[in-house]
């Protein structure tokens, strides 16, 4: 997804997910959310043309 955003010329990419506080959406557990954050942080270290923002909900 990030690679395609770069090809499209986007400067930003937002990954939004639901935390466990939103019960009706089967939100992520704490460990799952932390893993997602780690992946996005690693991705940002490797991206030059774009930046990925994380927004848990």
N, C-alpha and C. Protein backbone atom coordinates (compact mmCIF):
# COMPACT_ATOMS: atom_id res chain seq x y z
N UNK A 1 0.83 -1.18 0.00
CA UNK A 1 0.00 0.00 0.00
C UNK A 1 0.88 1.25 0.00
N UNK A 2 1.94 1.25 0.82
CA UNK A 2 2.82 2.42 0.87
C UNK A 2 3.53 2.63 -0.46
N UNK A 3 3.96 1.54 -1.08
CA UNK A 3 4.62 1.65 -2.38
C UNK A 3 3.71 2.26 -3.42
N UNK A 4 2.46 1.87 -3.43
CA UNK A 4 1.50 2.43 -4.40
C UNK A 4 1.25 3.91 -4.12
N UNK A 5 1.17 4.28 -2.85
CA UNK A 5 0.96 5.69 -2.49
C UNK A 5 2.13 6.53 -3.01
N UNK A 6 3.35 6.01 -2.90
CA UNK A 6 4.52 6.73 -3.41
C UNK A 6 4.43 6.88 -4.92
N UNK A 7 4.07 5.79 -5.61
CA UNK A 7 3.93 5.84 -7.08
C UNK A 7 2.87 6.85 -7.51
N UNK A 8 1.83 7.00 -6.69
CA UNK A 8 0.76 7.95 -7.01
C UNK A 8 1.14 9.38 -6.66
N UNK A 9 2.30 9.56 -6.02
CA UNK A 9 2.77 10.89 -5.68
C UNK A 9 2.23 11.43 -4.36
N UNK A 10 1.62 10.55 -3.56
CA UNK A 10 1.10 10.99 -2.28
C UNK A 10 2.24 11.30 -1.32
N UNK A 11 2.07 12.31 -0.50
CA UNK A 11 3.06 12.65 0.51
C UNK A 11 2.76 11.99 1.83
N UNK A 12 1.52 11.61 2.05
CA UNK A 12 1.11 11.02 3.32
C UNK A 12 0.24 9.79 3.07
N UNK A 13 0.33 8.84 3.99
CA UNK A 13 -0.51 7.65 4.00
C UNK A 13 -0.91 7.44 5.46
N UNK A 14 -2.17 7.29 5.72
CA UNK A 14 -2.64 7.10 7.09
C UNK A 14 -3.18 5.68 7.24
N UNK A 15 -2.73 5.03 8.30
CA UNK A 15 -3.25 3.71 8.66
C UNK A 15 -4.12 3.91 9.89
N UNK A 16 -5.38 3.61 9.77
CA UNK A 16 -6.32 3.81 10.87
C UNK A 16 -6.89 2.46 11.27
N UNK A 17 -6.93 2.21 12.55
CA UNK A 17 -7.47 0.96 13.04
C UNK A 17 -8.25 1.22 14.31
N UNK A 18 -9.01 0.25 14.75
CA UNK A 18 -9.82 0.40 15.96
C UNK A 18 -9.11 -0.24 17.14
N UNK A 19 -9.03 0.48 18.23
CA UNK A 19 -8.49 -0.10 19.45
C UNK A 19 -9.58 -0.93 20.12
N UNK A 20 -9.22 -1.66 21.15
CA UNK A 20 -10.20 -2.54 21.80
C UNK A 20 -11.31 -1.79 22.51
N UNK A 21 -11.14 -0.47 22.70
CA UNK A 21 -12.19 0.29 23.37
C UNK A 21 -13.47 0.39 22.54
N UNK A 22 -13.36 0.17 21.23
CA UNK A 22 -14.54 0.17 20.38
C UNK A 22 -14.98 -1.28 20.19
N UNK A 23 -15.77 -1.77 21.11
CA UNK A 23 -16.12 -3.19 21.18
C UNK A 23 -16.87 -3.69 19.94
N UNK A 24 -17.68 -2.85 19.34
CA UNK A 24 -18.48 -3.31 18.20
C UNK A 24 -17.65 -3.55 16.96
N UNK A 25 -16.41 -3.06 16.94
CA UNK A 25 -15.57 -3.22 15.75
C UNK A 25 -14.52 -4.31 15.92
N UNK A 26 -14.60 -5.07 17.02
CA UNK A 26 -13.58 -6.10 17.30
C UNK A 26 -12.18 -5.50 17.20
N UNK A 27 -11.96 -4.43 17.94
CA UNK A 27 -10.70 -3.69 17.88
C UNK A 27 -9.49 -4.52 18.25
N UNK A 28 -8.33 -3.97 17.94
CA UNK A 28 -7.06 -4.64 18.20
C UNK A 28 -6.78 -4.73 19.69
N UNK A 29 -6.19 -5.83 20.09
CA UNK A 29 -5.70 -5.98 21.46
C UNK A 29 -4.42 -5.15 21.58
N UNK A 30 -4.00 -4.90 22.82
CA UNK A 30 -2.82 -4.06 23.06
C UNK A 30 -1.60 -4.56 22.30
N UNK A 31 -1.33 -5.88 22.34
CA UNK A 31 -0.15 -6.41 21.68
C UNK A 31 -0.24 -6.28 20.17
N UNK A 32 -1.43 -6.43 19.62
CA UNK A 32 -1.62 -6.27 18.18
C UNK A 32 -1.40 -4.82 17.76
N UNK A 33 -1.90 -3.89 18.57
CA UNK A 33 -1.73 -2.47 18.26
C UNK A 33 -0.26 -2.07 18.35
N UNK A 34 0.45 -2.57 19.36
CA UNK A 34 1.88 -2.27 19.48
C UNK A 34 2.67 -2.83 18.31
N UNK A 35 2.30 -4.02 17.84
CA UNK A 35 2.97 -4.62 16.68
C UNK A 35 2.73 -3.76 15.43
N UNK A 36 1.49 -3.30 15.26
CA UNK A 36 1.18 -2.44 14.11
C UNK A 36 2.00 -1.14 14.17
N UNK A 37 2.12 -0.56 15.35
CA UNK A 37 2.90 0.66 15.52
C UNK A 37 4.36 0.42 15.16
N UNK A 38 4.92 -0.71 15.61
CA UNK A 38 6.32 -1.04 15.31
C UNK A 38 6.53 -1.19 13.80
N UNK A 39 5.60 -1.84 13.13
CA UNK A 39 5.70 -2.04 11.68
C UNK A 39 5.67 -0.69 10.96
N UNK A 40 4.76 0.18 11.36
CA UNK A 40 4.65 1.50 10.73
C UNK A 40 5.91 2.33 11.00
N UNK A 41 6.45 2.26 12.21
CA UNK A 41 7.67 3.00 12.53
C UNK A 41 8.84 2.51 11.68
N UNK A 42 8.96 1.20 11.49
CA UNK A 42 10.02 0.64 10.63
C UNK A 42 9.83 1.08 9.19
N UNK A 43 8.59 1.08 8.74
CA UNK A 43 8.29 1.51 7.38
C UNK A 43 8.71 2.97 7.17
N UNK A 44 8.41 3.81 8.15
CA UNK A 44 8.78 5.23 8.04
C UNK A 44 10.28 5.43 7.95
N UNK A 45 11.05 4.57 8.59
CA UNK A 45 12.50 4.68 8.50
C UNK A 45 13.00 4.40 7.09
N UNK A 46 12.26 3.57 6.34
CA UNK A 46 12.68 3.18 5.00
C UNK A 46 12.06 4.03 3.90
N UNK A 47 11.04 4.80 4.21
CA UNK A 47 10.39 5.63 3.20
C UNK A 47 11.11 6.97 3.07
N UNK A 48 11.27 7.41 1.84
CA UNK A 48 11.87 8.72 1.63
C UNK A 48 10.87 9.70 1.02
N UNK A 49 10.02 9.22 0.13
CA UNK A 49 9.13 10.11 -0.61
C UNK A 49 7.83 10.37 0.15
N UNK A 50 7.45 9.49 1.03
CA UNK A 50 6.17 9.61 1.72
C UNK A 50 6.36 9.32 3.20
N UNK A 51 5.34 9.59 3.95
CA UNK A 51 5.37 9.30 5.39
C UNK A 51 4.05 8.66 5.76
N UNK A 52 4.14 7.59 6.55
CA UNK A 52 2.95 6.88 6.99
C UNK A 52 2.60 7.32 8.40
N UNK A 53 1.36 7.72 8.60
CA UNK A 53 0.90 8.15 9.91
C UNK A 53 -0.01 7.09 10.48
N UNK A 54 0.07 6.86 11.77
CA UNK A 54 -0.78 5.86 12.40
C UNK A 54 -1.80 6.55 13.30
N UNK A 55 -3.04 6.13 13.20
CA UNK A 55 -4.11 6.77 13.94
C UNK A 55 -5.03 5.70 14.52
N UNK A 56 -4.68 5.08 15.65
CA UNK A 56 -5.63 4.12 16.24
C UNK A 56 -6.88 4.83 16.72
N UNK A 57 -8.00 4.17 16.56
CA UNK A 57 -9.29 4.74 16.99
C UNK A 57 -9.94 3.85 18.01
